[in-house]
Structures are given as structure tokens and as C-alpha cells.
């Protein structure tokens, strides 16, 4: 069983360190980190992330949470509202709905520019990417991570991933193998000193 109290205490120690915030000891690598967790702990992880953000803020570390589900809802509201998408699902079925949703959220033309705007406006020292499991299957985590590299360059990014990450492969919910993603460090294995 995963000890979330210890996990998030470790995250606090790592993220609040000068070494982490200054992106030292990465050997020129992109400052991307993944923390995989058991999907059964989703609700507790969400609460723990909120508490971690508050604790970091109290310590003077500004965090921007990029919750993919919330971002999708914002975009859909801007593009005609959620009701419009629900009507498409009712009238055209699941497959057409999924295609319409992916088209509306086009990763290169819509979603990533939306995220870039959030980052530009935030003045954050760390970015948290959350809500990964909530947007499956219309947004895939490896696509976001690959595209985020050119946008999230001013601060380290920590992705909270419901599943498994072995340093090479992402397995959403511990079952669905995503494309390989080699550019992220496992934050749970980083020495906070």
C-alpha cells in the first residue's frame, strides 16, 4: 500500500529545495518529473496535491497547477459550451463525440497555446500537471508531456500520473501502455538534498 503522507512529505522536501528550484544536478536535461500513484488513491492524491501547494506557497514557492480536466472545461466553455458537446454525443454517438472533442481541443492549435497562456500569466516557480486520468482517452499524457517541453521552460514541471512509470514507459491506470517517455525523472526517487 502506498504511503501518501510520506510521498507528499518527500515531494515537499524535494520541491522546496534550492537545488530543485534552480534546476541543478540535471545534467542539462529538461526539468520534468513524474510521480506515479495508484489510481485507487485518486481522491486522496488530489487532496494531498492541494495541501502540498498550500504548504509550498506558505514557504514562498509559487506553484501553478495545470489540471487538464479544468483546462478542457475552460476551453469547451469558450468554444460554445459543454452543452454543445453533450448534444453531439447524444445525436452522433460516442465515436463522433470523441472525434469532435479531439478536434475542438486540438493539442497544437488550442490546448498547448491555452496552457502557454496560463504559464505566461502565472509567475510560478513550479508547474504541477494534474487531471491526467480524467481526460483519457481524448488527451494522452505522452502527447502533453512531449509538447509541454517547449512551453514549460521557465520552471520545473511535476506530472502526477495515475498509473506506473518505470523511467521509460507510462502505463495509465497500471494497464494502458502509452508511448515511451524517456525525458522525465521519477520525483519519488530523487534525493532532496
C-alpha atoms as a PDB file:
ATOM      1  CA  UNK A   1       0.000   0.000   0.000  1.00  0.00           C
ATOM      2  CA  UNK A   2       1.249   3.434  -0.950  1.00  0.00           C
ATOM      3  CA  UNK A   3       2.097   5.754   1.949  1.00  0.00           C
ATOM      4  CA  UNK A   4       0.815   9.075   0.630  1.00  0.00           C
ATOM      5  CA  UNK A   5       1.805  11.038   3.729  1.00  0.00           C
ATOM      6  CA  UNK A   6       5.451  10.006   3.265  1.00  0.00           C
ATOM      7  CA  UNK A   7       5.227  10.501  -0.515  1.00  0.00           C
ATOM      8  CA  UNK A   8       3.993  14.090  -0.247  1.00  0.00           C
ATOM      9  CA  UNK A   9       6.380  14.935   2.609  1.00  0.00           C
ATOM     10  CA  UNK A  10       9.167  13.794   0.272  1.00  0.00           C
ATOM     11  CA  UNK A  11       7.732  15.931  -2.554  1.00  0.00           C
ATOM     12  CA  UNK A  12       7.714  18.947  -0.282  1.00  0.00           C
ATOM     13  CA  UNK A  13      11.348  18.376   0.704  1.00  0.00           C
ATOM     14  CA  UNK A  14      12.442  17.942  -2.922  1.00  0.00           C
ATOM     15  CA  UNK A  15      10.400  20.755  -4.469  1.00  0.00           C
ATOM     16  CA  UNK A  16      11.166  23.342  -1.780  1.00  0.00           C
ATOM     17  CA  UNK A  17      14.925  22.770  -2.096  1.00  0.00           C
ATOM     18  CA  UNK A  18      17.062  25.392  -3.837  1.00  0.00           C
ATOM     19  CA  UNK A  19      18.661  22.639  -5.891  1.00  0.00           C
ATOM     20  CA  UNK A  20      15.281  21.682  -7.375  1.00  0.00           C
ATOM     21  CA  UNK A  21      14.064  25.238  -7.924  1.00  0.00           C
ATOM     22  CA  UNK A  22      17.316  26.214  -9.644  1.00  0.00           C
ATOM     23  CA  UNK A  23      17.213  23.016 -11.741  1.00  0.00           C
ATOM     24  CA  UNK A  24      20.661  21.968 -10.625  1.00  0.00           C
ATOM     25  CA  UNK A  25      22.127  18.473 -10.997  1.00  0.00           C
ATOM     26  CA  UNK A  26      20.015  17.581 -14.037  1.00  0.00           C
ATOM     27  CA  UNK A  27      22.960  17.327 -16.420  1.00  0.00           C
ATOM     28  CA  UNK A  28      21.302  19.614 -18.959  1.00  0.00           C
ATOM     29  CA  UNK A  29      18.119  17.532 -19.019  1.00  0.00           C
ATOM     30  CA  UNK A  30      14.649  19.036 -19.221  1.00  0.00           C
ATOM     31  CA  UNK A  31      13.281  19.627 -15.696  1.00  0.00           C
ATOM     32  CA  UNK A  32      10.335  17.230 -15.999  1.00  0.00           C
ATOM     33  CA  UNK A  33       9.363  14.937 -13.175  1.00  0.00           C
ATOM     34  CA  UNK A  34       6.705  12.255 -12.823  1.00  0.00           C
ATOM     35  CA  UNK A  35       5.110  10.957  -9.678  1.00  0.00           C
ATOM     36  CA  UNK A  36       3.099   7.840 -10.420  1.00  0.00           C
ATOM     37  CA  UNK A  37       0.462   6.748  -7.947  1.00  0.00           C
ATOM     38  CA  UNK A  38      -2.099   4.013  -7.534  1.00  0.00           C
ATOM     39  CA  UNK A  39      -5.262   5.170  -9.363  1.00  0.00           C
ATOM     40  CA  UNK A  40      -7.357   3.801  -6.494  1.00  0.00           C
ATOM     41  CA  UNK A  41      -5.920   6.651  -4.394  1.00  0.00           C
ATOM     42  CA  UNK A  42      -7.094   9.364  -6.813  1.00  0.00           C
ATOM     43  CA  UNK A  43      -9.236  11.340  -4.380  1.00  0.00           C
ATOM     44  CA  UNK A  44      -6.629  11.245  -1.609  1.00  0.00           C
ATOM     45  CA  UNK A  45      -3.909  12.258  -4.083  1.00  0.00           C
ATOM     46  CA  UNK A  46      -5.992  15.247  -5.199  1.00  0.00           C
ATOM     47  CA  UNK A  47      -6.366  16.368  -1.577  1.00  0.00           C
ATOM     48  CA  UNK A  48      -2.654  15.801  -0.967  1.00  0.00           C
ATOM     49  CA  UNK A  49      -1.722  17.895  -4.029  1.00  0.00           C
ATOM     50  CA  UNK A  50      -3.894  20.779  -2.778  1.00  0.00           C
ATOM     51  CA  UNK A  51      -2.266  20.586   0.666  1.00  0.00           C
ATOM     52  CA  UNK A  52       1.213  20.428  -0.906  1.00  0.00           C
ATOM     53  CA  UNK A  53       0.501  23.527  -2.988  1.00  0.00           C
ATOM     54  CA  UNK A  54      -0.638  25.412   0.145  1.00  0.00           C
ATOM     55  CA  UNK A  55       2.406  24.264   2.120  1.00  0.00           C
ATOM     56  CA  UNK A  56       4.774  25.282  -0.694  1.00  0.00           C
ATOM     57  CA  UNK A  57       3.019  28.645  -1.028  1.00  0.00           C
ATOM     58  CA  UNK A  58       3.428  29.230   2.707  1.00  0.00           C
ATOM     59  CA  UNK A  59       7.149  28.512   2.239  1.00  0.00           C
ATOM     60  CA  UNK A  60       7.356  31.067  -0.573  1.00  0.00           C
ATOM     61  CA  UNK A  61       7.285  28.609  -3.503  1.00  0.00           C
ATOM     62  CA  UNK A  62       4.710  29.592  -6.130  1.00  0.00           C
ATOM     63  CA  UNK A  63       3.030  26.641  -7.869  1.00  0.00           C
ATOM     64  CA  UNK A  64       0.824  26.727 -10.953  1.00  0.00           C
ATOM     65  CA  UNK A  65      -1.465  23.707 -11.104  1.00  0.00           C
ATOM     66  CA  UNK A  66      -2.344  22.788 -14.675  1.00  0.00           C
ATOM     67  CA  UNK A  67      -5.313  20.491 -14.167  1.00  0.00           C
ATOM     68  CA  UNK A  68      -6.033  19.059 -17.613  1.00  0.00           C
ATOM     69  CA  UNK A  69      -9.693  18.420 -16.847  1.00  0.00           C
ATOM     70  CA  UNK A  70     -10.250  22.006 -15.685  1.00  0.00           C
ATOM     71  CA  UNK A  71      -8.378  23.345 -18.729  1.00  0.00           C
ATOM     72  CA  UNK A  72     -10.541  21.235 -21.051  1.00  0.00           C
ATOM     73  CA  UNK A  73     -13.705  22.559 -19.381  1.00  0.00           C
ATOM     74  CA  UNK A  74     -12.468  26.152 -19.782  1.00  0.00           C
ATOM     75  CA  UNK A  75     -11.746  25.618 -23.474  1.00  0.00           C
ATOM     76  CA  UNK A  76     -15.095  23.936 -24.119  1.00  0.00           C
ATOM     77  CA  UNK A  77     -16.907  26.817 -22.412  1.00  0.00           C
ATOM     78  CA  UNK A  78     -15.022  29.295 -24.614  1.00  0.00           C
ATOM     79  CA  UNK A  79     -15.863  27.279 -27.739  1.00  0.00           C
ATOM     80  CA  UNK A  80     -19.621  27.195 -27.337  1.00  0.00           C
ATOM     81  CA  UNK A  81     -20.226  25.491 -24.044  1.00  0.00           C
ATOM     82  CA  UNK A  82     -20.313  21.974 -22.667  1.00  0.00           C
ATOM     83  CA  UNK A  83     -23.953  21.547 -23.657  1.00  0.00           C
ATOM     84  CA  UNK A  84     -22.949  21.708 -27.320  1.00  0.00           C
ATOM     85  CA  UNK A  85     -20.593  18.762 -26.835  1.00  0.00           C
ATOM     86  CA  UNK A  86     -23.254  16.792 -24.977  1.00  0.00           C
ATOM     87  CA  UNK A  87     -25.663  17.339 -27.886  1.00  0.00           C
ATOM     88  CA  UNK A  88     -23.069  15.981 -30.303  1.00  0.00           C
ATOM     89  CA  UNK A  89     -22.691  12.887 -28.140  1.00  0.00           C
ATOM     90  CA  UNK A  90     -26.468  12.361 -27.966  1.00  0.00           C
ATOM     91  CA  UNK A  91     -27.063  12.891 -31.679  1.00  0.00           C
ATOM     92  CA  UNK A  92     -23.960  11.385 -33.250  1.00  0.00           C
ATOM     93  CA  UNK A  93     -22.759   8.765 -30.775  1.00  0.00           C
ATOM     94  CA  UNK A  94     -19.588   8.102 -28.834  1.00  0.00           C
ATOM     95  CA  UNK A  95     -17.127   7.854 -31.749  1.00  0.00           C
ATOM     96  CA  UNK A  96     -18.240  11.124 -33.390  1.00  0.00           C
ATOM     97  CA  UNK A  97     -18.279  12.779 -29.971  1.00  0.00           C
ATOM     98  CA  UNK A  98     -14.681  11.703 -29.294  1.00  0.00           C
ATOM     99  CA  UNK A  99     -13.551  12.998 -32.695  1.00  0.00           C
ATOM    100  CA  UNK A 100     -15.381  16.307 -32.172  1.00  0.00           C
ATOM    101  CA  UNK A 101     -13.844  16.655 -28.734  1.00  0.00           C
ATOM    102  CA  UNK A 102     -10.326  15.959 -30.003  1.00  0.00           C
ATOM    103  CA  UNK A 103     -10.851  18.394 -32.858  1.00  0.00           C
ATOM    104  CA  UNK A 104     -12.133  21.124 -30.538  1.00  0.00           C
ATOM    105  CA  UNK A 105      -9.204  20.593 -28.177  1.00  0.00           C
ATOM    106  CA  UNK A 106      -6.569  20.316 -30.928  1.00  0.00           C
ATOM    107  CA  UNK A 107      -3.382  19.850 -28.944  1.00  0.00           C
ATOM    108  CA  UNK A 108      -1.190  22.089 -31.131  1.00  0.00           C
ATOM    109  CA  UNK A 109      -3.628  24.855 -32.007  1.00  0.00           C
ATOM    110  CA  UNK A 110      -5.826  25.047 -28.907  1.00  0.00           C
ATOM    111  CA  UNK A 111      -4.710  23.170 -25.791  1.00  0.00           C
ATOM    112  CA  UNK A 112      -0.987  23.951 -25.766  1.00  0.00           C
ATOM    113  CA  UNK A 113      -1.495  27.668 -26.531  1.00  0.00           C
ATOM    114  CA  UNK A 114      -4.071  27.755 -23.702  1.00  0.00           C
ATOM    115  CA  UNK A 115      -1.528  26.180 -21.328  1.00  0.00           C
ATOM    116  CA  UNK A 116       1.182  28.561 -22.576  1.00  0.00           C
ATOM    117  CA  UNK A 117      -1.074  31.498 -21.699  1.00  0.00           C
ATOM    118  CA  UNK A 118      -1.614  30.158 -18.185  1.00  0.00           C
ATOM    119  CA  UNK A 119       2.125  29.721 -17.716  1.00  0.00           C
ATOM    120  CA  UNK A 120       2.892  33.212 -19.057  1.00  0.00           C
ATOM    121  CA  UNK A 121       0.401  34.822 -16.667  1.00  0.00           C
ATOM    122  CA  UNK A 122       1.421  32.844 -13.572  1.00  0.00           C
ATOM    123  CA  UNK A 123       4.964  33.786 -12.478  1.00  0.00           C
ATOM    124  CA  UNK A 124       5.244  30.311 -10.922  1.00  0.00           C
ATOM    125  CA  UNK A 125       8.393  28.563  -9.756  1.00  0.00           C
ATOM    126  CA  UNK A 126       6.953  25.069 -10.301  1.00  0.00           C
ATOM    127  CA  UNK A 127       4.235  23.667 -12.537  1.00  0.00           C
ATOM    128  CA  UNK A 128       2.059  20.735 -11.442  1.00  0.00           C
ATOM    129  CA  UNK A 129       0.349  18.772 -14.223  1.00  0.00           C
ATOM    130  CA  UNK A 130      -2.719  17.026 -12.822  1.00  0.00           C
ATOM    131  CA  UNK A 131      -6.004  15.551 -14.052  1.00  0.00           C
ATOM    132  CA  UNK A 132      -4.216  13.171 -16.444  1.00  0.00           C
ATOM    133  CA  UNK A 133      -6.589  10.257 -15.840  1.00  0.00           C
ATOM    134  CA  UNK A 134      -9.684  12.443 -16.069  1.00  0.00           C
ATOM    135  CA  UNK A 135      -9.032  13.390 -19.695  1.00  0.00           C
ATOM    136  CA  UNK A 136      -8.311   9.908 -21.034  1.00  0.00           C
ATOM    137  CA  UNK A 137      -8.920   8.855 -23.860  1.00  0.00           C
ATOM    138  CA  UNK A 138      -9.291  12.188 -25.673  1.00  0.00           C
ATOM    139  CA  UNK A 139      -5.982  13.546 -24.369  1.00  0.00           C
ATOM    140  CA  UNK A 140      -2.964  11.280 -23.990  1.00  0.00           C
ATOM    141  CA  UNK A 141      -0.367  12.049 -21.345  1.00  0.00           C
ATOM    142  CA  UNK A 142       2.681  11.423 -23.546  1.00  0.00           C
ATOM    143  CA  UNK A 143       1.373  13.971 -26.088  1.00  0.00           C
ATOM    144  CA  UNK A 144       1.008  16.584 -23.374  1.00  0.00           C
ATOM    145  CA  UNK A 145       4.436  15.854 -21.893  1.00  0.00           C
ATOM    146  CA  UNK A 146       6.147  15.929 -25.291  1.00  0.00           C
ATOM    147  CA  UNK A 147       4.514  19.228 -26.249  1.00  0.00           C
ATOM    148  CA  UNK A 148       4.913  20.819 -22.836  1.00  0.00           C
ATOM    149  CA  UNK A 149       8.711  20.669 -23.156  1.00  0.00           C
ATOM    150  CA  UNK A 150       8.768  23.682 -25.450  1.00  0.00           C
ATOM    151  CA  UNK A 151       6.343  25.669 -23.281  1.00  0.00           C
ATOM    152  CA  UNK A 152       7.185  24.886 -19.652  1.00  0.00           C
ATOM    153  CA  UNK A 153      10.796  26.002 -19.834  1.00  0.00           C
ATOM    154  CA  UNK A 154      10.951  28.596 -17.057  1.00  0.00           C
ATOM    155  CA  UNK A 155      10.321  26.210 -14.154  1.00  0.00           C
ATOM    156  CA  UNK A 156      10.353  22.510 -13.276  1.00  0.00           C
ATOM    157  CA  UNK A 157       7.208  20.516 -14.092  1.00  0.00           C
ATOM    158  CA  UNK A 158       5.845  17.708 -11.923  1.00  0.00           C
ATOM    159  CA  UNK A 159       3.265  15.416 -13.513  1.00  0.00           C
ATOM    160  CA  UNK A 160       1.024  13.449 -11.157  1.00  0.00           C
ATOM    161  CA  UNK A 161       0.301  10.269 -13.074  1.00  0.00           C
ATOM    162  CA  UNK A 162      -2.373   7.707 -12.109  1.00  0.00           C
ATOM    163  CA  UNK A 163      -0.569   4.514 -13.012  1.00  0.00           C
ATOM    164  CA  UNK A 164       3.005   3.345 -13.353  1.00  0.00           C
ATOM    165  CA  UNK A 165       6.214   4.939 -14.579  1.00  0.00           C
ATOM    166  CA  UNK A 166       9.434   2.925 -14.675  1.00  0.00           C
ATOM    167  CA  UNK A 167      11.639   5.684 -16.065  1.00  0.00           C
ATOM    168  CA  UNK A 168      10.854   4.729 -19.669  1.00  0.00           C
ATOM    169  CA  UNK A 169       7.232   3.708 -20.018  1.00  0.00           C
ATOM    170  CA  UNK A 170       3.985   5.244 -18.822  1.00  0.00           C
ATOM    171  CA  UNK A 171       1.156   2.819 -18.001  1.00  0.00           C
ATOM    172  CA  UNK A 172      -2.051   4.720 -17.371  1.00  0.00           C
ATOM    173  CA  UNK A 173      -4.101   3.112 -14.598  1.00  0.00           C
ATOM    174  CA  UNK A 174      -1.362   0.457 -14.483  1.00  0.00           C
ATOM    175  CA  UNK A 175      -2.918  -1.177 -17.564  1.00  0.00           C
ATOM    176  CA  UNK A 176      -2.764   1.026 -20.649  1.00  0.00           C
ATOM    177  CA  UNK A 177       0.729   1.349 -22.087  1.00  0.00           C
ATOM    178  CA  UNK A 178       1.325   4.782 -23.513  1.00  0.00           C
ATOM    179  CA  UNK A 179       4.191   5.658 -25.821  1.00  0.00           C
ATOM    180  CA  UNK A 180       7.596   5.634 -24.197  1.00  0.00           C
ATOM    181  CA  UNK A 181       8.572   8.801 -22.416  1.00  0.00           C
ATOM    182  CA  UNK A 182      12.265   8.967 -21.510  1.00  0.00           C
ATOM    183  CA  UNK A 183      12.682  12.591 -20.574  1.00  0.00           C
ATOM    184  CA  UNK A 184      11.220  12.663 -17.077  1.00  0.00           C
ATOM    185  CA  UNK A 185      12.778  11.907 -13.732  1.00  0.00           C
ATOM    186  CA  UNK A 186      10.889   9.948 -11.096  1.00  0.00           C
ATOM    187  CA  UNK A 187      10.499  12.554  -8.347  1.00  0.00           C
ATOM    188  CA  UNK A 188       9.760   9.837  -5.811  1.00  0.00           C
ATOM    189  CA  UNK A 189      13.364   8.600  -6.200  1.00  0.00           C
ATOM    190  CA  UNK A 190      15.133  11.957  -6.022  1.00  0.00           C
ATOM    191  CA  UNK A 191      17.298  12.726  -3.023  1.00  0.00           C
ATOM    192  CA  UNK A 192      16.004  16.008  -1.543  1.00  0.00           C
ATOM    193  CA  UNK A 193      19.494  17.117  -0.500  1.00  0.00           C
END
